[in-house]
PDB file of N, CA and C in Angstrom:
ATOM      1  N   MET A   1      -4.346 -29.441  -6.614  1.00  0.00           N
ATOM      2  CA  MET A   1      -4.971 -28.139  -6.462  1.00  0.00           C
ATOM      3  C   MET A   1      -4.037 -27.068  -7.018  1.00  0.00           C
ATOM      4  N   PRO A   2      -4.567 -26.081  -7.753  1.00  0.00           N
ATOM      5  CA  PRO A   2      -3.692 -25.063  -8.338  1.00  0.00           C
ATOM      6  C   PRO A   2      -3.115 -24.118  -7.282  1.00  0.00           C
ATOM      7  N   LYS A   3      -2.014 -23.485  -7.657  1.00  0.00           N
ATOM      8  CA  LYS A   3      -1.380 -22.539  -6.750  1.00  0.00           C
ATOM      9  C   LYS A   3      -2.209 -21.271  -6.635  1.00  0.00           C
ATOM     10  N   MET A   4      -2.052 -20.606  -5.493  1.00  0.00           N
ATOM     11  CA  MET A   4      -2.703 -19.308  -5.286  1.00  0.00           C
ATOM     12  C   MET A   4      -1.921 -18.256  -6.070  1.00  0.00           C
ATOM     13  N   ARG A   5      -2.631 -17.418  -6.825  1.00  0.00           N
ATOM     14  CA  ARG A   5      -1.959 -16.404  -7.623  1.00  0.00           C
ATOM     15  C   ARG A   5      -1.935 -15.072  -6.871  1.00  0.00           C
ATOM     16  N   THR A   6      -0.874 -14.311  -7.091  1.00  0.00           N
ATOM     17  CA  THR A   6      -0.771 -12.983  -6.514  1.00  0.00           C
ATOM     18  C   THR A   6      -1.748 -12.051  -7.225  1.00  0.00           C
ATOM     19  N   HIS A   7      -2.471 -11.247  -6.474  1.00  0.00           N
ATOM     20  CA  HIS A   7      -3.365 -10.248  -7.062  1.00  0.00           C
ATOM     21  C   HIS A   7      -2.492  -9.119  -7.602  1.00  0.00           C
ATOM     22  N   ARG A   8      -2.410  -9.005  -8.938  1.00  0.00           N
ATOM     23  CA  ARG A   8      -1.459  -8.087  -9.549  1.00  0.00           C
ATOM     24  C   ARG A   8      -1.764  -6.627  -9.245  1.00  0.00           C
ATOM     25  N   GLY A   9      -3.037  -6.289  -9.104  1.00  0.00           N
ATOM     26  CA  GLY A   9      -3.383  -4.913  -8.753  1.00  0.00           C
ATOM     27  C   GLY A   9      -2.862  -4.547  -7.382  1.00  0.00           C
ATOM     28  N   ALA A  10      -2.996  -5.483  -6.431  1.00  0.00           N
ATOM     29  CA  ALA A  10      -2.503  -5.234  -5.078  1.00  0.00           C
ATOM     30  C   ALA A  10      -0.975  -5.202  -5.048  1.00  0.00           C
ATOM     31  N   ALA A  11      -0.337  -6.036  -5.858  1.00  0.00           N
ATOM     32  CA  ALA A  11       1.123  -6.092  -5.885  1.00  0.00           C
ATOM     33  C   ALA A  11       1.716  -4.770  -6.358  1.00  0.00           C
ATOM     34  N   LYS A  12       1.004  -4.059  -7.226  1.00  0.00           N
ATOM     35  CA  LYS A  12       1.482  -2.771  -7.724  1.00  0.00           C
ATOM     36  C   LYS A  12       1.254  -1.646  -6.721  1.00  0.00           C
ATOM     37  N   ARG A  13       0.370  -1.836  -5.769  1.00  0.00           N
ATOM     38  CA  ARG A  13       0.009  -0.762  -4.835  1.00  0.00           C
ATOM     39  C   ARG A  13       0.648  -0.894  -3.458  1.00  0.00           C
ATOM     40  N   PHE A  14       1.042  -2.089  -3.071  1.00  0.00           N
ATOM     41  CA  PHE A  14       1.569  -2.316  -1.725  1.00  0.00           C
ATOM     42  C   PHE A  14       2.916  -3.011  -1.799  1.00  0.00           C
ATOM     43  N   LYS A  15       3.756  -2.753  -0.788  1.00  0.00           N
ATOM     44  CA  LYS A  15       4.996  -3.512  -0.679  1.00  0.00           C
ATOM     45  C   LYS A  15       5.244  -3.865   0.778  1.00  0.00           C
ATOM     46  N   VAL A  16       5.991  -4.942   0.975  1.00  0.00           N
ATOM     47  CA  VAL A  16       6.271  -5.443   2.312  1.00  0.00           C
ATOM     48  C   VAL A  16       7.690  -5.043   2.684  1.00  0.00           C
ATOM     49  N   THR A  17       7.863  -4.464   3.860  1.00  0.00           N
ATOM     50  CA  THR A  17       9.194  -4.081   4.321  1.00  0.00           C
ATOM     51  C   THR A  17       9.928  -5.310   4.844  1.00  0.00           C
ATOM     52  N   GLY A  18      11.177  -5.130   5.165  1.00  0.00           N
ATOM     53  CA  GLY A  18      11.973  -6.231   5.684  1.00  0.00           C
ATOM     54  C   GLY A  18      11.443  -6.773   6.997  1.00  0.00           C
ATOM     55  N   SER A  19      10.829  -5.907   7.798  1.00  0.00           N
ATOM     56  CA  SER A  19      10.285  -6.356   9.083  1.00  0.00           C
ATOM     57  C   SER A  19       8.871  -6.892   8.946  1.00  0.00           C
ATOM     58  N   GLY A  20       8.311  -6.871   7.726  1.00  0.00           N
ATOM     59  CA  GLY A  20       7.002  -7.460   7.491  1.00  0.00           C
ATOM     60  C   GLY A  20       5.837  -6.487   7.491  1.00  0.00           C
ATOM     61  N   LYS A  21       6.121  -5.188   7.615  1.00  0.00           N
ATOM     62  CA  LYS A  21       5.037  -4.206   7.576  1.00  0.00           C
ATOM     63  C   LYS A  21       4.610  -3.976   6.130  1.00  0.00           C
ATOM     64  N   LEU A  22       3.349  -3.583   5.947  1.00  0.00           N
ATOM     65  CA  LEU A  22       2.831  -3.256   4.622  1.00  0.00           C
ATOM     66  C   LEU A  22       2.857  -1.746   4.435  1.00  0.00           C
ATOM     67  N   ILE A  23       3.367  -1.299   3.283  1.00  0.00           N
ATOM     68  CA  ILE A  23       3.502   0.114   2.980  1.00  0.00           C
ATOM     69  C   ILE A  23       2.624   0.456   1.789  1.00  0.00           C
ATOM     70  N   ARG A  24       2.001   1.639   1.822  1.00  0.00           N
ATOM     71  CA  ARG A  24       1.181   2.104   0.707  1.00  0.00           C
ATOM     72  C   ARG A  24       1.467   3.572   0.445  1.00  0.00           C
ATOM     73  N   LYS A  25       1.081   4.030  -0.750  1.00  0.00           N
ATOM     74  CA  LYS A  25       1.185   5.445  -1.099  1.00  0.00           C
ATOM     75  C   LYS A  25      -0.083   6.154  -0.655  1.00  0.00           C
ATOM     76  N   LYS A  26      -0.004   7.461  -0.469  1.00  0.00           N
ATOM     77  CA  LYS A  26      -1.186   8.242  -0.116  1.00  0.00           C
ATOM     78  C   LYS A  26      -1.972   8.592  -1.372  1.00  0.00           C
ATOM     79  N   ALA A  27      -3.256   8.821  -1.198  1.00  0.00           N
ATOM     80  CA  ALA A  27      -4.134   9.170  -2.313  1.00  0.00           C
ATOM     81  C   ALA A  27      -4.072  10.671  -2.601  1.00  0.00           C
ATOM     82  N   TYR A  28      -4.745  11.104  -3.668  1.00  0.00           N
ATOM     83  CA  TYR A  28      -4.874  12.517  -4.058  1.00  0.00           C
ATOM     84  C   TYR A  28      -3.550  13.139  -4.477  1.00  0.00           C
ATOM     85  N   ASN A  29      -2.679  12.362  -5.107  1.00  0.00           N
ATOM     86  CA  ASN A  29      -1.381  12.898  -5.503  1.00  0.00           C
ATOM     87  C   ASN A  29      -1.087  12.609  -6.965  1.00  0.00           C
ATOM     88  N   SER A  30      -2.095  12.721  -7.831  1.00  0.00           N
ATOM     89  CA  SER A  30      -1.850  12.452  -9.243  1.00  0.00           C
ATOM     90  C   SER A  30      -2.109  13.646 -10.151  1.00  0.00           C
ATOM     91  N   HIS A  31      -3.082  14.479  -9.835  1.00  0.00           N
ATOM     92  CA  HIS A  31      -3.367  15.660 -10.664  1.00  0.00           C
ATOM     93  C   HIS A  31      -4.173  16.680  -9.873  1.00  0.00           C
ATOM     94  N   ILE A  32      -4.482  17.804 -10.490  1.00  0.00           N
ATOM     95  CA  ILE A  32      -5.162  18.957  -9.873  1.00  0.00           C
ATOM     96  C   ILE A  32      -4.385  19.423  -8.632  1.00  0.00           C
ATOM     97  N   PHE A  33      -3.173  19.927  -8.872  1.00  0.00           N
ATOM     98  CA  PHE A  33      -2.326  20.370  -7.773  1.00  0.00           C
ATOM     99  C   PHE A  33      -2.513  21.841  -7.426  1.00  0.00           C
ATOM    100  N   THR A  34      -3.213  22.579  -8.261  1.00  0.00           N
ATOM    101  CA  THR A  34      -3.313  24.030  -8.054  1.00  0.00           C
ATOM    102  C   THR A  34      -3.899  24.398  -6.693  1.00  0.00           C
ATOM    103  N   PRO A  35      -5.009  23.808  -6.234  1.00  0.00           N
ATOM    104  CA  PRO A  35      -5.531  24.221  -4.932  1.00  0.00           C
ATOM    105  C   PRO A  35      -4.763  23.668  -3.727  1.00  0.00           C
ATOM    106  N   LYS A  36      -3.804  22.787  -3.972  1.00  0.00           N
ATOM    107  CA  LYS A  36      -3.074  22.174  -2.863  1.00  0.00           C
ATOM    108  C   LYS A  36      -1.802  22.975  -2.578  1.00  0.00           C
ATOM    109  N   ASN A  37      -1.550  23.244  -1.317  1.00  0.00           N
ATOM    110  CA  ASN A  37      -0.342  23.994  -0.987  1.00  0.00           C
ATOM    111  C   ASN A  37       0.868  23.064  -0.931  1.00  0.00           C
ATOM    112  N   SER A  38       2.055  23.670  -0.861  1.00  0.00           N
ATOM    113  CA  SER A  38       3.307  22.918  -0.952  1.00  0.00           C
ATOM    114  C   SER A  38       3.448  21.894   0.161  1.00  0.00           C
ATOM    115  N   ARG A  39       3.054  22.280   1.359  1.00  0.00           N
ATOM    116  CA  ARG A  39       3.181  21.371   2.499  1.00  0.00           C
ATOM    117  C   ARG A  39       2.307  20.132   2.302  1.00  0.00           C
ATOM    118  N   ARG A  40       1.091  20.364   1.829  1.00  0.00           N
ATOM    119  CA  ARG A  40       0.177  19.252   1.588  1.00  0.00           C
ATOM    120  C   ARG A  40       0.708  18.321   0.503  1.00  0.00           C
ATOM    121  N   LYS A  41       1.221  18.883  -0.588  1.00  0.00           N
ATOM    122  CA  LYS A  41       1.763  18.064  -1.678  1.00  0.00           C
ATOM    123  C   LYS A  41       2.972  17.259  -1.220  1.00  0.00           C
ATOM    124  N   ARG A  42       3.801  17.886  -0.399  1.00  0.00           N
ATOM    125  CA  ARG A  42       4.990  17.200   0.112  1.00  0.00           C
ATOM    126  C   ARG A  42       4.593  16.034   1.016  1.00  0.00           C
ATOM    127  N   ARG A  43       3.575  16.237   1.836  1.00  0.00           N
ATOM    128  CA  ARG A  43       3.116  15.165   2.726  1.00  0.00           C
ATOM    129  C   ARG A  43       2.435  14.036   1.968  1.00  0.00           C
ATOM    130  N   LEU A  44       1.813  14.355   0.839  1.00  0.00           N
ATOM    131  CA  LEU A  44       1.157  13.322   0.043  1.00  0.00           C
ATOM    132  C   LEU A  44       2.165  12.394  -0.632  1.00  0.00           C
ATOM    133  N   GLU A  45       3.405  12.833  -0.760  1.00  0.00           N
ATOM    134  CA  GLU A  45       4.441  12.001  -1.383  1.00  0.00           C
ATOM    135  C   GLU A  45       4.888  10.863  -0.467  1.00  0.00           C
ATOM    136  N   GLU A  46       4.673  11.006   0.838  1.00  0.00           N
ATOM    137  CA  GLU A  46       5.155  10.017   1.798  1.00  0.00           C
ATOM    138  C   GLU A  46       4.456   8.674   1.634  1.00  0.00           C
ATOM    139  N   GLU A  47       5.170   7.630   1.995  1.00  0.00           N
ATOM    140  CA  GLU A  47       4.568   6.302   2.079  1.00  0.00           C
ATOM    141  C   GLU A  47       4.206   6.056   3.535  1.00  0.00           C
ATOM    142  N   VAL A  48       3.062   5.431   3.761  1.00  0.00           N
ATOM    143  CA  VAL A  48       2.602   5.191   5.123  1.00  0.00           C
ATOM    144  C   VAL A  48       2.297   3.707   5.309  1.00  0.00           C
ATOM    145  N   GLU A  49       2.259   3.307   6.555  1.00  0.00           N
ATOM    146  CA  GLU A  49       1.949   1.917   6.877  1.00  0.00           C
ATOM    147  C   GLU A  49       0.450   1.667   6.734  1.00  0.00           C
ATOM    148  N   VAL A  50       0.099   0.493   6.234  1.00  0.00           N
ATOM    149  CA  VAL A  50      -1.305   0.110   6.076  1.00  0.00           C
ATOM    150  C   VAL A  50      -1.898  -0.130   7.460  1.00  0.00           C
ATOM    151  N   SER A  51      -3.160   0.235   7.647  1.00  0.00           N
ATOM    152  CA  SER A  51      -3.799   0.043   8.943  1.00  0.00           C
ATOM    153  C   SER A  51      -3.901  -1.455   9.255  1.00  0.00           C
ATOM    154  N   ARG A  52      -3.890  -1.776  10.517  1.00  0.00           N
ATOM    155  CA  ARG A  52      -3.898  -3.178  10.947  1.00  0.00           C
ATOM    156  C   ARG A  52      -5.173  -3.893  10.518  1.00  0.00           C
ATOM    157  N   SER A  53      -6.278  -3.142  10.447  1.00  0.00           N
ATOM    158  CA  SER A  53      -7.548  -3.762  10.072  1.00  0.00           C
ATOM    159  C   SER A  53      -7.552  -4.211   8.609  1.00  0.00           C
ATOM    160  N   ASP A  54      -6.775  -3.549   7.753  1.00  0.00           N
ATOM    161  CA  ASP A  54      -6.716  -3.902   6.330  1.00  0.00           C
ATOM    162  C   ASP A  54      -5.593  -4.874   6.001  1.00  0.00           C
ATOM    163  N   SER A  55      -4.596  -4.974   6.872  1.00  0.00           N
ATOM    164  CA  SER A  55      -3.383  -5.703   6.517  1.00  0.00           C
ATOM    165  C   SER A  55      -3.620  -7.194   6.275  1.00  0.00           C
ATOM    166  N   LYS A  56      -4.514  -7.818   7.020  1.00  0.00           N
ATOM    167  CA  LYS A  56      -4.763  -9.250   6.842  1.00  0.00           C
ATOM    168  C   LYS A  56      -5.320  -9.524   5.447  1.00  0.00           C
ATOM    169  N   ARG A  57      -6.264  -8.686   5.021  1.00  0.00           N
ATOM    170  CA  ARG A  57      -6.884  -8.850   3.706  1.00  0.00           C
ATOM    171  C   ARG A  57      -5.863  -8.617   2.583  1.00  0.00           C
ATOM    172  N   ILE A  58      -5.011  -7.612   2.747  1.00  0.00           N
ATOM    173  CA  ILE A  58      -4.016  -7.304   1.723  1.00  0.00           C
ATOM    174  C   ILE A  58      -2.958  -8.395   1.640  1.00  0.00           C
ATOM    175  N   ARG A  59      -2.551  -8.927   2.790  1.00  0.00           N
ATOM    176  CA  ARG A  59      -1.576 -10.031   2.779  1.00  0.00           C
ATOM    177  C   ARG A  59      -2.117 -11.240   2.027  1.00  0.00           C
ATOM    178  N   ARG A  60      -3.402 -11.507   2.162  1.00  0.00           N
ATOM    179  CA  ARG A  60      -4.011 -12.624   1.441  1.00  0.00           C
ATOM    180  C   ARG A  60      -3.932 -12.383  -0.066  1.00  0.00           C
ATOM    181  N   LEU A  61      -4.170 -11.133  -0.490  1.00  0.00           N
ATOM    182  CA  LEU A  61      -4.090 -10.804  -1.915  1.00  0.00           C
ATOM    183  C   LEU A  61      -2.658 -10.927  -2.430  1.00  0.00           C
ATOM    184  N   LEU A  62      -1.693 -10.529  -1.602  1.00  0.00           N
ATOM    185  CA  LEU A  62      -0.297 -10.565  -2.023  1.00  0.00           C
ATOM    186  C   LEU A  62       0.300 -11.963  -1.949  1.00  0.00           C
ATOM    187  N   GLY A  63      -0.311 -12.834  -1.157  1.00  0.00           N
ATOM    188  CA  GLY A  63       0.207 -14.182  -1.022  1.00  0.00           C
ATOM    189  C   GLY A  63       1.325 -14.299  -0.016  1.00  0.00           C
ATOM    190  N   THR A  64       1.556 -13.235   0.776  1.00  0.00           N
ATOM    191  CA  THR A  64       2.586 -13.317   1.816  1.00  0.00           C
ATOM    192  C   THR A  64       1.987 -13.965   3.052  1.00  0.00           C
ATOM    193  N   GLY A  65       2.829 -14.510   3.906  1.00  0.00           N
ATOM    194  CA  GLY A  65       2.348 -15.221   5.084  1.00  0.00           C
ATOM    195  C   GLY A  65       1.597 -14.339   6.051  1.00  0.00           C
ATOM    196  N   LEU A  66       0.583 -14.894   6.685  1.00  0.00           N
ATOM    197  CA  LEU A  66      -0.197 -14.140   7.665  1.00  0.00           C
ATOM    198  C   LEU A  66       0.416 -14.229   9.051  1.00  0.00           C
ATOM    199  N   ASN A  67       1.528 -14.964   9.191  1.00  0.00           N
ATOM    200  CA  ASN A  67       2.089 -15.181  10.514  1.00  0.00           C
ATOM    201  C   ASN A  67       2.945 -14.005  11.003  1.00  0.00           C
ATOM    202  N   ARG A  68       3.137 -12.952  10.199  1.00  0.00           N
ATOM    203  CA  ARG A  68       3.933 -11.807  10.639  1.00  0.00           C
ATOM    204  C   ARG A  68       3.080 -10.758  11.271  1.00  0.00           C
TER     205      ARG A  68
END
């Protein structure tokens, strides 16, 4: 049986921390910055943890173990 391949799109969007949490970037931070204030733009730069409901599906795409 062939090996499971990593979903390359997901690999570029998510990363796993040392403790096993999934991290993602926030949306709406690529263009059209004029109507956004400084505080909002600064907060959009932060990385946040993926919600628990999505993490199982993303781990399957990344090929990391589901046991964490």
